């Protein structure tokens, strides 16, 4: 099973999600083809109501504790349905990789 699928299944199994998107962004970095090292997670749930951002992230990190030992980066976008709606269902694009280039 791919790391992306594992992340999706674990989060959906632990959190009642309204929206979940897990993107493998490894191709944007200096890694081997087919790598699963960089992920962006957008998760929308009522479970985040009245929780500070750090508590939301800690919850996700706890759920993905084993996976975090195998991946390099995890960008988290954790929102309530109201916050998601206020953003128009959008999150910022991830920045281009600035490190680890082969030509440095």
C-alpha atoms as a PDB file:
ATOM      1  CA  UNK A   1       0.000   0.000   0.000  1.00  0.00           C
ATOM      2  CA  UNK A   2       1.322   3.462  -0.832  1.00  0.00           C
ATOM      3  CA  UNK A   3       2.198   5.945   1.896  1.00  0.00           C
ATOM      4  CA  UNK A   4      -0.442   8.308   0.503  1.00  0.00           C
ATOM      5  CA  UNK A   5      -3.153   5.663   0.867  1.00  0.00           C
ATOM      6  CA  UNK A   6      -1.946   4.777   4.362  1.00  0.00           C
ATOM      7  CA  UNK A   7      -2.149   8.427   5.439  1.00  0.00           C
ATOM      8  CA  UNK A   8      -5.628   8.798   3.948  1.00  0.00           C
ATOM      9  CA  UNK A   9      -6.938   5.659   5.624  1.00  0.00           C
ATOM     10  CA  UNK A  10      -5.469   6.410   9.031  1.00  0.00           C
ATOM     11  CA  UNK A  11      -6.797   9.969   9.148  1.00  0.00           C
ATOM     12  CA  UNK A  12     -10.249   9.032   7.851  1.00  0.00           C
ATOM     13  CA  UNK A  13     -10.364   6.181  10.356  1.00  0.00           C
ATOM     14  CA  UNK A  14      -9.544   8.386  13.350  1.00  0.00           C
ATOM     15  CA  UNK A  15     -11.195  11.717  12.496  1.00  0.00           C
ATOM     16  CA  UNK A  16     -14.720  12.327  11.235  1.00  0.00           C
ATOM     17  CA  UNK A  17     -13.717  14.323   8.161  1.00  0.00           C
ATOM     18  CA  UNK A  18     -15.854  16.570   5.995  1.00  0.00           C
ATOM     19  CA  UNK A  19     -13.038  16.826   3.453  1.00  0.00           C
ATOM     20  CA  UNK A  20      -9.658  15.113   3.183  1.00  0.00           C
ATOM     21  CA  UNK A  21      -7.010  15.476   0.523  1.00  0.00           C
ATOM     22  CA  UNK A  22      -3.545  13.956   0.754  1.00  0.00           C
ATOM     23  CA  UNK A  23      -1.124  15.022  -1.960  1.00  0.00           C
ATOM     24  CA  UNK A  24       2.226  13.382  -2.602  1.00  0.00           C
ATOM     25  CA  UNK A  25       4.451  16.366  -3.417  1.00  0.00           C
ATOM     26  CA  UNK A  26       7.675  14.372  -3.559  1.00  0.00           C
ATOM     27  CA  UNK A  27       8.008  15.055  -7.288  1.00  0.00           C
ATOM     28  CA  UNK A  28       8.575  18.739  -6.399  1.00  0.00           C
ATOM     29  CA  UNK A  29      11.775  17.867  -4.541  1.00  0.00           C
ATOM     30  CA  UNK A  30      15.194  16.401  -5.269  1.00  0.00           C
ATOM     31  CA  UNK A  31      14.239  12.790  -4.574  1.00  0.00           C
ATOM     32  CA  UNK A  32      14.264   9.571  -6.552  1.00  0.00           C
ATOM     33  CA  UNK A  33      11.389   8.990  -8.983  1.00  0.00           C
ATOM     34  CA  UNK A  34       8.473   7.336  -7.207  1.00  0.00           C
ATOM     35  CA  UNK A  35       9.576   8.603  -3.794  1.00  0.00           C
ATOM     36  CA  UNK A  36       7.013   9.092  -1.057  1.00  0.00           C
ATOM     37  CA  UNK A  37       8.760  11.608   1.165  1.00  0.00           C
ATOM     38  CA  UNK A  38       6.831  14.902   1.006  1.00  0.00           C
ATOM     39  CA  UNK A  39       3.093  15.222   1.616  1.00  0.00           C
ATOM     40  CA  UNK A  40       0.495  17.957   1.886  1.00  0.00           C
ATOM     41  CA  UNK A  41      -2.638  17.152   3.897  1.00  0.00           C
ATOM     42  CA  UNK A  42      -5.809  19.218   3.835  1.00  0.00           C
ATOM     43  CA  UNK A  43      -8.303  18.037   6.421  1.00  0.00           C
ATOM     44  CA  UNK A  44     -11.617  19.642   7.324  1.00  0.00           C
ATOM     45  CA  UNK A  45     -13.512  18.469  10.388  1.00  0.00           C
ATOM     46  CA  UNK A  46     -15.765  19.668  13.188  1.00  0.00           C
ATOM     47  CA  UNK A  47     -13.348  17.971  15.582  1.00  0.00           C
ATOM     48  CA  UNK A  48     -11.132  21.057  15.148  1.00  0.00           C
ATOM     49  CA  UNK A  49     -13.796  23.431  16.529  1.00  0.00           C
ATOM     50  CA  UNK A  50     -12.352  25.693  19.222  1.00  0.00           C
ATOM     51  CA  UNK A  51      -8.903  24.065  18.951  1.00  0.00           C
ATOM     52  CA  UNK A  52      -5.768  26.086  18.444  1.00  0.00           C
ATOM     53  CA  UNK A  53      -3.707  25.230  15.364  1.00  0.00           C
ATOM     54  CA  UNK A  54      -0.983  23.531  17.422  1.00  0.00           C
ATOM     55  CA  UNK A  55      -3.523  21.144  18.986  1.00  0.00           C
ATOM     56  CA  UNK A  56      -4.913  20.283  15.555  1.00  0.00           C
ATOM     57  CA  UNK A  57      -1.448  19.516  14.239  1.00  0.00           C
ATOM     58  CA  UNK A  58      -0.533  17.482  17.304  1.00  0.00           C
ATOM     59  CA  UNK A  59      -3.667  15.385  16.790  1.00  0.00           C
ATOM     60  CA  UNK A  60      -2.722  14.622  13.183  1.00  0.00           C
ATOM     61  CA  UNK A  61       0.917  13.984  14.125  1.00  0.00           C
ATOM     62  CA  UNK A  62      -0.171  11.534  16.840  1.00  0.00           C
ATOM     63  CA  UNK A  63      -2.333   9.618  14.359  1.00  0.00           C
ATOM     64  CA  UNK A  64       0.520   9.515  11.830  1.00  0.00           C
ATOM     65  CA  UNK A  65       3.236   8.818  14.386  1.00  0.00           C
ATOM     66  CA  UNK A  66       4.606   5.742  12.571  1.00  0.00           C
ATOM     67  CA  UNK A  67       4.428   7.330   9.101  1.00  0.00           C
ATOM     68  CA  UNK A  68       6.313  10.424  10.287  1.00  0.00           C
ATOM     69  CA  UNK A  69       9.327   8.210  10.950  1.00  0.00           C
ATOM     70  CA  UNK A  70       9.442   7.333   7.247  1.00  0.00           C
ATOM     71  CA  UNK A  71       8.698  10.634   5.511  1.00  0.00           C
ATOM     72  CA  UNK A  72      10.669  13.851   5.287  1.00  0.00           C
ATOM     73  CA  UNK A  73       7.960  16.526   5.255  1.00  0.00           C
ATOM     74  CA  UNK A  74       4.278  16.880   6.081  1.00  0.00           C
ATOM     75  CA  UNK A  75       2.469  20.153   5.370  1.00  0.00           C
ATOM     76  CA  UNK A  76      -0.794  20.367   7.309  1.00  0.00           C
ATOM     77  CA  UNK A  77      -3.865  22.454   6.556  1.00  0.00           C
ATOM     78  CA  UNK A  78      -6.358  21.709   9.348  1.00  0.00           C
ATOM     79  CA  UNK A  79      -9.667  23.570   9.281  1.00  0.00           C
ATOM     80  CA  UNK A  80     -13.203  23.557  10.548  1.00  0.00           C
ATOM     81  CA  UNK A  81     -15.970  23.486   7.921  1.00  0.00           C
ATOM     82  CA  UNK A  82     -16.582  27.196   8.556  1.00  0.00           C
ATOM     83  CA  UNK A  83     -12.911  28.058   8.015  1.00  0.00           C
ATOM     84  CA  UNK A  84     -12.848  25.930   4.861  1.00  0.00           C
ATOM     85  CA  UNK A  85     -15.937  27.681   3.512  1.00  0.00           C
ATOM     86  CA  UNK A  86     -14.482  31.110   4.328  1.00  0.00           C
ATOM     87  CA  UNK A  87     -11.403  30.188   2.236  1.00  0.00           C
ATOM     88  CA  UNK A  88     -13.591  29.144  -0.654  1.00  0.00           C
ATOM     89  CA  UNK A  89     -12.378  25.560  -0.359  1.00  0.00           C
ATOM     90  CA  UNK A  90      -8.802  26.526  -1.213  1.00  0.00           C
ATOM     91  CA  UNK A  91      -5.388  26.214   0.404  1.00  0.00           C
ATOM     92  CA  UNK A  92      -2.135  27.835  -0.636  1.00  0.00           C
ATOM     93  CA  UNK A  93       0.093  26.076  -3.129  1.00  0.00           C
ATOM     94  CA  UNK A  94       3.240  24.620  -1.624  1.00  0.00           C
ATOM     95  CA  UNK A  95       6.417  26.590  -2.322  1.00  0.00           C
ATOM     96  CA  UNK A  96       8.982  25.290  -4.777  1.00  0.00           C
ATOM     97  CA  UNK A  97      11.808  23.281  -3.262  1.00  0.00           C
ATOM     98  CA  UNK A  98      14.810  25.479  -2.521  1.00  0.00           C
ATOM     99  CA  UNK A  99      17.243  22.940  -1.167  1.00  0.00           C
ATOM    100  CA  UNK A 100      19.023  19.743  -1.997  1.00  0.00           C
ATOM    101  CA  UNK A 101      19.536  20.591  -5.659  1.00  0.00           C
ATOM    102  CA  UNK A 102      21.798  18.402  -7.753  1.00  0.00           C
ATOM    103  CA  UNK A 103      23.565  21.421  -9.257  1.00  0.00           C
ATOM    104  CA  UNK A 104      24.673  23.026  -6.006  1.00  0.00           C
END
